[in-house]
Amino acid sequence: MTEVPNWQDSKLGTMKRAALWLVAEIGVGNIFTKAQLRDAFPDVSQIDRRMRDLRDHGWSIHTSREDLSLSTSEQRFVGQGSPVWEPGKATKSSPTISAAQRREVLMRDDYLCRSCGIGAGEHFAGGQEAAQLEIARRQIKRADGTSSVELVTECNRCRVGGRQVIADVGALTARIRQLPAFDRKILAGWMADGHRNFSEVEKLWAAYRGLPAETRAQLSGAIGS
């Protein structure tokens, strides 16, 4: 069994030390603050960036964007990824998304979340929180059995639920072909337009669905009576 180094070992790179600090001092599931991180690495000017680099190696670290219970100064260590302190394990599993790629994907996706359709700065239904758009990596399984990873625009809420989603194009195509001709024609129109218009009833249902249970019961009772 490989011995885990001490996170205070200055011979290690900053990212490796940050990973070891999370494991030794914080622990999976626990919260740490930016102040704690900077106090642990007082001589490292870009420790926040090195911590973010761990995400490229499968480490799951949530901020207030992914976990609404966190403040802007807090982060949660959700899951450990590749043991980057071991030889050969610090190679990036996927390249960093560049600013140019981000602009290109946002423009291609009409600056909208492709999962729920919300735009940057728009408020989520039933609350005051404004949406933030991010670029997510989506695993694609094609009809011929090959796989790839493509970039897509998602809001901060949808991205949390879609991290492990694999888009099976073959299965999706089969489901579309099973639709009646009339429904396929409607779907083809939405695809051609790049959007669908929701009816007032559908919008009200979405707003109702996002309410807390007690308020849903009160509203349901009031409408029913």
Protein backbone atom coordinates (compact mmCIF):
# COMPACT_ATOMS: atom_id res chain seq x y z
CA MET A 1 0.00 0.00 0.00
CA THR A 2 1.40 3.39 -1.02
CA GLU A 3 2.07 5.68 1.91
CA VAL A 4 0.16 8.95 1.72
CA PRO A 5 2.54 11.94 1.94
CA ASN A 6 2.16 14.78 4.41
CA TRP A 7 0.32 17.74 2.88
CA GLN A 8 2.88 20.10 4.43
CA ASP A 9 5.73 18.58 2.41
CA SER A 10 7.04 21.56 0.42
CA LYS A 11 8.66 19.23 -2.14
CA LEU A 12 5.22 18.40 -3.51
CA GLY A 13 3.38 20.60 -5.99
CA THR A 14 0.68 22.93 -4.69
CA MET A 15 -2.21 21.02 -6.25
CA LYS A 16 -1.02 17.76 -4.69
CA ARG A 17 -0.66 19.42 -1.31
CA ALA A 18 -4.16 20.91 -1.63
CA ALA A 19 -5.57 17.44 -2.33
CA LEU A 20 -3.76 15.96 0.66
CA TRP A 21 -4.96 18.85 2.85
CA LEU A 22 -8.57 18.12 1.90
CA VAL A 23 -8.16 14.45 2.78
CA ALA A 24 -6.20 14.94 6.02
CA GLU A 25 -7.71 18.13 7.43
CA ILE A 26 -11.23 18.48 5.99
CA GLY A 27 -12.66 15.08 5.10
CA VAL A 28 -15.30 14.12 2.56
CA GLY A 29 -18.65 15.78 3.15
CA ASN A 30 -17.30 18.62 5.26
CA ILE A 31 -17.21 22.37 4.63
CA PHE A 32 -14.14 24.59 4.51
CA THR A 33 -13.77 28.32 3.93
CA LYS A 34 -11.54 30.36 1.69
CA ALA A 35 -9.91 31.76 4.82
CA GLN A 36 -9.03 28.26 6.06
CA LEU A 37 -7.52 27.39 2.69
CA ARG A 38 -5.39 30.53 2.55
CA ASP A 39 -4.28 30.13 6.16
CA ALA A 40 -3.10 26.61 5.33
CA PHE A 41 -1.13 27.88 2.30
CA PRO A 42 -0.09 31.42 3.26
CA ASP A 43 2.79 31.57 0.76
CA VAL A 44 0.80 30.39 -2.27
CA SER A 45 -0.76 33.28 -4.19
CA GLN A 46 -3.00 31.14 -6.45
CA ILE A 47 -4.13 28.44 -4.05
CA ASP A 48 -7.78 28.91 -5.12
CA ARG A 49 -6.85 28.09 -8.71
CA ARG A 50 -4.81 25.04 -7.70
CA MET A 51 -7.80 23.80 -5.72
CA ARG A 52 -10.04 24.24 -8.77
CA ASP A 53 -7.55 22.27 -10.87
CA LEU A 54 -8.43 19.18 -8.82
CA ARG A 55 -11.80 19.05 -10.60
CA ASP A 56 -9.96 18.05 -13.78
CA HIS A 57 -8.87 14.91 -11.92
CA GLY A 58 -12.29 13.81 -10.75
CA TRP A 59 -12.38 15.63 -7.42
CA SER A 60 -15.82 16.98 -6.48
CA ILE A 61 -15.69 20.32 -4.64
CA HIS A 62 -18.91 22.31 -4.48
CA THR A 63 -19.30 26.05 -4.12
CA SER A 64 -22.46 28.07 -3.55
CA ARG A 65 -23.22 27.62 -7.27
CA GLU A 66 -23.72 23.86 -6.87
CA ASP A 67 -24.84 23.80 -3.22
CA LEU A 68 -27.32 26.54 -2.35
CA SER A 69 -26.81 25.93 1.39
CA LEU A 70 -23.24 27.27 1.16
CA SER A 71 -22.24 30.91 1.52
CA THR A 72 -20.01 32.53 -1.11
CA SER A 73 -16.98 32.04 1.16
CA GLU A 74 -17.62 28.32 1.74
CA GLN A 75 -16.91 25.15 -0.23
CA ARG A 76 -17.80 21.53 0.41
CA PHE A 77 -15.42 18.59 -0.20
CA VAL A 78 -17.90 16.19 -1.81
CA GLY A 79 -15.73 13.43 -3.24
CA GLN A 80 -12.12 12.38 -3.74
CA GLY A 81 -10.88 11.80 -7.27
CA SER A 82 -7.59 10.50 -8.60
CA PRO A 83 -4.79 10.36 -5.97
CA VAL A 84 -2.78 13.07 -7.72
CA TRP A 85 0.14 12.74 -5.28
CA GLU A 86 0.95 9.29 -6.72
CA PRO A 87 3.37 9.08 -9.69
CA GLY A 88 1.61 9.49 -13.04
CA LYS A 89 -1.77 10.37 -11.49
CA ALA A 90 -1.55 14.15 -11.91
CA THR A 91 -2.17 14.02 -15.67
CA LYS A 92 -5.38 15.84 -16.53
CA SER A 93 -8.27 13.55 -17.43
CA SER A 94 -9.74 16.24 -19.67
CA PRO A 95 -8.42 19.57 -20.97
CA THR A 96 -9.44 22.83 -19.36
CA ILE A 97 -12.19 24.69 -21.22
CA SER A 98 -10.64 27.86 -22.65
CA ALA A 99 -12.30 31.29 -22.68
CA ALA A 100 -12.62 31.05 -26.48
CA GLN A 101 -14.35 27.65 -26.21
CA ARG A 102 -16.69 29.03 -23.56
CA ARG A 103 -17.73 31.95 -25.79
CA GLU A 104 -18.23 29.62 -28.75
CA VAL A 105 -20.42 27.17 -26.81
CA LEU A 106 -22.51 29.95 -25.25
CA MET A 107 -23.11 31.52 -28.67
CA ARG A 108 -23.97 28.17 -30.25
CA ASP A 109 -26.45 27.43 -27.42
CA ASP A 110 -28.10 30.88 -27.72
CA TYR A 111 -26.89 31.84 -24.21
CA LEU A 112 -29.51 29.53 -22.69
CA CYS A 113 -29.35 26.49 -20.42
CA ARG A 114 -29.99 23.59 -22.78
CA SER A 115 -31.67 21.59 -20.00
CA CYS A 116 -34.27 24.05 -18.68
CA GLY A 117 -34.05 27.00 -21.11
CA ILE A 118 -33.25 29.69 -18.55
CA GLY A 119 -30.94 32.56 -19.50
CA ALA A 120 -28.10 34.09 -17.50
CA GLY A 121 -29.39 36.48 -14.86
CA GLU A 122 -32.99 35.28 -15.10
CA HIS A 123 -34.55 34.30 -11.79
CA PHE A 124 -35.55 30.71 -11.09
CA ALA A 125 -39.29 30.17 -10.58
CA GLY A 126 -40.45 30.73 -7.03
CA GLY A 127 -37.31 32.46 -5.76
CA GLN A 128 -34.91 35.36 -5.96
CA GLU A 129 -31.86 33.36 -7.07
CA ALA A 130 -30.53 34.34 -10.49
CA ALA A 131 -29.27 31.69 -12.91
CA GLN A 132 -25.59 31.45 -13.81
CA LEU A 133 -24.59 29.72 -17.03
CA GLU A 134 -21.69 27.27 -17.07
CA ILE A 135 -20.09 24.98 -19.64
CA ALA A 136 -20.56 21.30 -18.84
CA ARG A 137 -19.04 18.18 -20.35
CA ARG A 138 -21.70 15.73 -21.51
CA GLN A 139 -20.97 12.08 -22.27
CA ILE A 140 -22.52 11.00 -25.56
CA LYS A 141 -23.19 7.37 -26.51
CA ARG A 142 -23.82 7.19 -30.25
CA ALA A 143 -26.03 4.79 -32.16
CA ASP A 144 -22.96 3.00 -33.60
CA GLY A 145 -21.67 2.24 -30.10
CA THR A 146 -18.91 4.86 -30.04
CA SER A 147 -18.68 7.43 -27.25
CA SER A 148 -17.49 11.01 -27.01
CA VAL A 149 -17.55 13.99 -24.68
CA GLU A 150 -19.11 17.22 -25.93
CA LEU A 151 -19.62 20.66 -24.40
CA VAL A 152 -23.04 22.08 -23.57
CA THR A 153 -24.39 25.15 -21.74
CA GLU A 154 -26.19 24.47 -18.45
CA CYS A 155 -27.32 26.63 -15.55
CA ASN A 156 -25.86 26.12 -12.09
CA ARG A 157 -28.91 24.12 -10.98
CA CYS A 158 -29.16 21.75 -13.93
CA ARG A 159 -25.44 21.10 -14.01
CA VAL A 160 -25.52 19.61 -10.50
CA GLY A 161 -28.10 17.00 -11.49
CA GLY A 162 -26.55 16.26 -14.87
CA ARG A 163 -22.93 15.50 -13.93
CA GLN A 164 -23.28 11.73 -14.38
CA VAL A 165 -25.83 11.81 -17.21
CA ILE A 166 -24.95 9.91 -20.40
CA ALA A 167 -26.93 10.87 -23.51
CA ASP A 168 -27.78 7.65 -25.37
CA VAL A 169 -28.48 8.83 -28.92
CA GLY A 170 -29.54 5.38 -30.14
CA ALA A 171 -32.13 4.96 -27.38
CA LEU A 172 -33.40 8.50 -27.92
CA THR A 173 -33.76 7.94 -31.67
CA ALA A 174 -35.70 4.73 -31.05
CA ARG A 175 -38.12 6.52 -28.71
CA ILE A 176 -38.70 9.29 -31.28
CA ARG A 177 -39.45 6.74 -34.01
CA GLN A 178 -42.09 5.13 -31.77
CA LEU A 179 -44.05 8.39 -31.56
CA PRO A 180 -47.23 8.78 -33.64
CA ALA A 181 -46.67 10.76 -36.85
CA PHE A 182 -48.49 13.82 -35.49
CA ASP A 183 -46.28 13.97 -32.37
CA ARG A 184 -43.13 13.48 -34.45
CA LYS A 185 -44.18 16.44 -36.62
CA ILE A 186 -44.61 18.64 -33.52
CA LEU A 187 -41.21 17.54 -32.16
CA ALA A 188 -39.55 18.20 -35.55
CA GLY A 189 -40.98 21.73 -35.48
CA TRP A 190 -39.55 22.38 -32.01
CA MET A 191 -36.17 21.07 -33.20
CA ALA A 192 -36.24 23.32 -36.27
CA ASP A 193 -37.16 26.39 -34.19
CA GLY A 194 -34.64 25.58 -31.46
CA HIS A 195 -37.26 26.11 -28.74
CA ARG A 196 -40.84 25.38 -27.74
CA ASN A 197 -43.43 27.76 -26.39
CA PHE A 198 -44.98 26.64 -23.13
CA SER A 199 -48.67 27.24 -22.53
CA GLU A 200 -49.84 29.29 -19.53
CA VAL A 201 -51.04 26.07 -17.86
CA GLU A 202 -47.58 24.50 -18.22
CA LYS A 203 -45.90 27.62 -16.82
CA LEU A 204 -48.26 27.63 -13.83
CA TRP A 205 -47.61 23.92 -13.24
CA ALA A 206 -43.84 24.54 -13.23
CA ALA A 207 -44.26 27.38 -10.72
CA TYR A 208 -46.54 25.24 -8.52
CA ARG A 209 -44.16 22.27 -8.63
CA GLY A 210 -41.32 24.42 -7.29
CA LEU A 211 -43.24 25.43 -4.16
CA PRO A 212 -42.62 23.89 -0.70
CA ALA A 213 -45.01 21.05 0.27
CA GLU A 214 -47.06 23.10 2.75
CA THR A 215 -47.63 25.91 0.25
CA ARG A 216 -48.48 23.41 -2.51
CA ALA A 217 -51.16 21.91 -0.25
CA GLN A 218 -52.60 25.33 0.57
CA LEU A 219 -52.72 26.39 -3.08
CA SER A 220 -54.19 23.06 -4.20
CA GLY A 221 -56.89 23.32 -1.56
CA ALA A 222 -57.72 26.90 -2.51
CA ILE A 223 -58.04 26.04 -6.21
CA GLY A 224 -60.02 22.90 -5.47
CA SER A 225 -62.55 24.78 -3.36
